[in-house]
Protein backbone atom coordinates (compact mmCIF):
# COMPACT_ATOMS: atom_id res chain seq x y z
CA MET A 1 -25.61 48.25 -4.28
CA HIS A 2 -22.29 46.87 -5.57
CA SER A 3 -20.33 44.40 -3.49
CA ASP A 4 -16.67 43.47 -3.76
CA LEU A 5 -17.48 39.94 -2.63
CA PRO A 6 -17.23 37.32 -5.38
CA ASN A 7 -20.29 35.63 -6.72
CA PRO A 8 -20.51 32.33 -4.79
CA THR A 9 -21.59 30.47 -7.93
CA ILE A 10 -18.45 31.47 -9.87
CA LEU A 11 -14.98 30.26 -8.94
CA LYS A 12 -11.69 31.80 -10.02
CA ILE A 13 -9.45 28.94 -11.19
CA GLY A 14 -5.78 28.75 -12.05
CA ARG A 15 -3.15 31.32 -13.02
CA LEU A 16 -5.19 32.63 -15.91
CA GLY A 17 -8.00 33.58 -13.60
CA GLN A 18 -10.66 31.76 -15.56
CA HIS A 19 -14.10 32.14 -14.09
CA LEU A 20 -15.94 28.82 -13.96
CA ARG A 21 -19.21 27.78 -12.42
CA PRO A 22 -19.15 24.63 -10.22
CA ALA A 23 -20.97 22.66 -12.92
CA GLN A 24 -18.27 23.58 -15.46
CA LEU A 25 -15.57 22.68 -12.95
CA SER A 26 -17.20 19.28 -12.34
CA MET A 27 -17.42 18.61 -16.07
CA ARG A 28 -13.76 19.46 -16.61
CA PHE A 29 -12.74 17.24 -13.70
CA LEU A 30 -14.86 14.39 -15.06
CA GLN A 31 -13.45 14.83 -18.57
CA ARG A 32 -9.85 14.78 -17.28
CA PHE A 33 -10.61 11.74 -15.14
CA ILE A 34 -12.11 9.81 -18.07
CA GLN A 35 -9.19 10.87 -20.29
CA GLN A 36 -6.70 9.56 -17.70
CA LEU A 37 -8.59 6.28 -17.38
CA THR A 38 -8.70 5.65 -21.11
CA SER A 39 -5.16 6.77 -21.90
CA PRO A 40 -2.76 3.82 -22.30
CA SER A 41 0.12 5.93 -21.01
CA SER A 42 -1.57 6.38 -17.64
CA ASN A 43 -1.71 2.67 -16.76
CA GLU A 44 1.28 2.85 -14.43
CA SER A 45 -0.06 5.81 -12.47
CA PHE A 46 -3.49 4.20 -12.26
CA LEU A 47 -2.01 0.92 -11.03
CA GLY A 48 0.03 2.89 -8.50
CA ARG A 49 -3.17 4.45 -7.14
CA VAL A 50 -4.87 1.06 -7.02
CA LYS A 51 -1.90 -0.35 -5.08
CA LYS A 52 -2.14 2.52 -2.58
CA VAL A 53 -5.83 1.74 -2.02
CA GLU A 54 -5.01 -1.97 -1.57
CA VAL A 55 -2.37 -1.14 1.04
CA LEU A 56 -4.73 1.23 2.84
CA VAL A 57 -7.46 -1.41 2.95
CA ALA A 58 -4.98 -4.05 4.19
CA LYS A 59 -3.82 -1.73 6.97
CA LEU A 60 -7.40 -0.97 7.99
CA LEU A 61 -8.20 -4.69 7.98
CA SER A 62 -5.20 -5.43 10.18
CA ILE A 63 -6.21 -2.73 12.68
CA LEU A 64 -9.78 -4.06 12.76
CA MET A 65 -8.51 -7.65 13.13
CA ILE A 66 -6.36 -6.60 16.08
CA GLY A 67 -9.50 -5.11 17.63
CA VAL A 68 -11.40 -8.35 17.04
CA LEU A 69 -8.53 -10.34 18.57
CA LEU A 70 -8.40 -8.15 21.67
CA VAL A 71 -12.17 -8.39 22.20
CA ALA A 72 -12.13 -12.18 21.66
CA LEU A 73 -9.21 -12.54 24.05
CA ALA A 74 -10.95 -10.44 26.71
CA ASP A 75 -14.13 -12.48 26.22
CA LEU A 76 -12.20 -15.75 26.58
CA GLY A 77 -10.47 -14.44 29.72
CA LEU A 78 -13.82 -13.40 31.21
CA VAL A 79 -15.40 -16.78 30.44
CA LEU A 80 -12.44 -18.64 31.95
CA PHE A 81 -12.51 -16.45 35.07
CA GLN A 82 -16.25 -16.96 35.50
CA GLU A 83 -15.95 -20.69 34.96
CA LEU A 84 -13.08 -21.16 37.40
CA PHE A 85 -13.67 -18.58 40.12
CA ALA A 86 -17.15 -17.09 39.97
CA LYS A 87 -19.33 -20.19 40.19
CA PRO A 88 -19.19 -23.03 42.68
CA PRO A 89 -17.64 -25.56 42.63
CA TYR A 90 -14.58 -23.35 42.29
CA GLY A 91 -11.76 -24.54 40.05
CA PHE A 92 -14.02 -26.67 37.86
CA PHE A 93 -15.70 -26.01 34.55
CA SER A 94 -19.49 -25.98 34.48
CA THR A 95 -19.58 -25.70 30.67
CA THR A 96 -18.01 -28.24 28.42
CA LEU A 97 -14.37 -27.90 27.52
CA ILE A 98 -15.37 -28.21 23.88
CA GLU A 99 -16.97 -24.75 24.00
CA ILE A 100 -13.83 -23.30 25.57
CA PHE A 101 -11.63 -25.03 22.97
CA GLY A 102 -13.87 -23.51 20.28
CA ALA A 103 -13.16 -20.04 21.68
CA PHE A 104 -9.41 -20.78 21.65
CA LEU A 105 -9.60 -21.96 18.05
CA ASN A 106 -11.54 -18.81 17.10
CA ILE A 107 -8.62 -16.74 18.35
CA LEU A 108 -6.14 -18.92 16.46
CA ILE A 109 -8.16 -18.50 13.25
CA ALA A 110 -8.22 -14.73 13.74
CA LEU A 111 -4.44 -14.78 14.27
CA GLU A 112 -3.98 -16.70 11.03
CA VAL A 113 -6.17 -14.21 9.15
CA LEU A 114 -4.06 -11.39 10.63
CA GLU A 115 -0.93 -13.22 9.49
CA ASN A 116 -2.39 -13.41 5.96
CA ILE A 117 -2.96 -9.65 5.99
CA THR A 118 0.52 -8.85 7.32
CA ALA A 119 2.10 -11.20 4.77
CA TYR A 120 0.31 -9.23 2.08
CA LEU A 121 1.61 -5.95 3.55
CA ARG A 122 5.17 -7.33 3.66
CA GLY A 123 4.94 -7.75 -0.08
CA SER A 124 4.93 -11.52 -0.15
CA GLY A 125 1.40 -11.48 -1.56
CA ILE A 126 -1.33 -13.83 -0.55
CA ARG A 127 0.26 -17.11 0.41
CA ILE A 128 -2.12 -19.87 -0.62
CA GLU A 129 -0.50 -22.27 1.83
CA LEU A 130 -1.43 -20.02 4.75
CA VAL A 131 -4.98 -19.58 3.44
CA ILE A 132 -5.42 -23.37 3.27
CA ILE A 133 -4.05 -23.76 6.82
CA THR A 134 -6.53 -21.14 8.03
CA ALA A 135 -9.37 -23.01 6.33
CA LEU A 136 -8.19 -26.31 7.84
CA THR A 137 -8.16 -24.73 11.29
CA ALA A 138 -11.67 -23.39 10.76
CA VAL A 139 -12.99 -26.79 9.70
CA ALA A 140 -11.15 -28.47 12.58
CA ARG A 141 -12.81 -26.00 14.96
CA LYS A 142 -16.18 -26.94 13.48
CA ILE A 143 -15.45 -30.61 14.12
CA VAL A 144 -14.26 -29.94 17.68
CA ILE A 145 -17.50 -28.14 18.55
CA PHE A 146 -19.68 -30.48 16.44
CA ASP A 147 -22.91 -31.25 18.31
CA PHE A 148 -23.90 -34.79 17.39
CA GLY A 149 -27.31 -34.31 19.04
CA LYS A 150 -28.36 -31.37 16.86
CA LEU A 151 -26.54 -31.98 13.59
CA SER A 152 -26.87 -34.83 11.15
CA GLY A 153 -24.34 -37.32 9.89
CA LEU A 154 -24.57 -35.72 6.45
CA GLU A 155 -23.10 -32.51 7.87
CA LEU A 156 -20.28 -34.50 9.44
CA ILE A 157 -19.61 -36.16 6.07
CA GLY A 158 -19.51 -32.68 4.48
CA LEU A 159 -16.89 -31.60 7.02
CA ALA A 160 -14.90 -34.77 6.33
CA VAL A 161 -14.96 -34.04 2.59
CA ALA A 162 -13.86 -30.46 3.28
CA ILE A 163 -10.94 -31.64 5.40
CA PHE A 164 -9.94 -34.22 2.80
CA THR A 165 -9.97 -31.73 -0.08
CA LEU A 166 -8.16 -29.06 1.95
CA SER A 167 -5.54 -31.60 3.03
CA ILE A 168 -4.95 -32.68 -0.58
CA SER A 169 -4.74 -29.01 -1.61
CA TYR A 170 -2.23 -28.29 1.16
CA TRP A 171 -0.12 -31.31 0.16
CA LEU A 172 -0.14 -30.23 -3.51
CA VAL A 173 0.82 -26.64 -2.69
CA ARG A 174 3.64 -27.76 -0.37
CA ARG A 175 4.92 -30.20 -2.96
CA THR A 176 4.80 -27.58 -5.72
CA ASN A 177 6.59 -25.04 -3.53
CA ARG A 178 9.29 -27.56 -2.68
CA ILE A 179 9.81 -28.44 -6.37
CA HIS A 180 10.12 -24.77 -7.36
CA LYS A 181 12.62 -24.07 -4.57
CA ASP A 182 14.93 -26.84 -5.79
């Protein structure tokens, strides 16, 4: 019995109507791909594709960061509402303010990370000054919520060293930026 339906293992490709099996098609695609990667004339097109992927990833990161910010903000609002209005004595905090300040600083850190991503999308690249400020905020948050009962003095010294080195780095970057602007 003869059928007019094409053989599913053979594909008709291109204007010439070449008949290729999927394995042959895969090999040709792979050969062209390797040829494009190794050709020096294709560097610009390759870099253009890489840039498109970078932008896509940055956009996805910014959308995810906005989601994280919204969830953290809702969580902070819920905690504040419960602390102030759901538990007696009303209008007073039953947990320490340090924990609440830690939640605020978490949101500020997330905002700074989002600002880093949007700065990248604006084309200004990764601004090292903003990265250092984000790191300083994160270390400051750690110091604000530092539990002296559970953690040792060595960990506090480590945080102090981190703040010192980040502060020096920030000062050097600011100074260098100011010199190059003049």
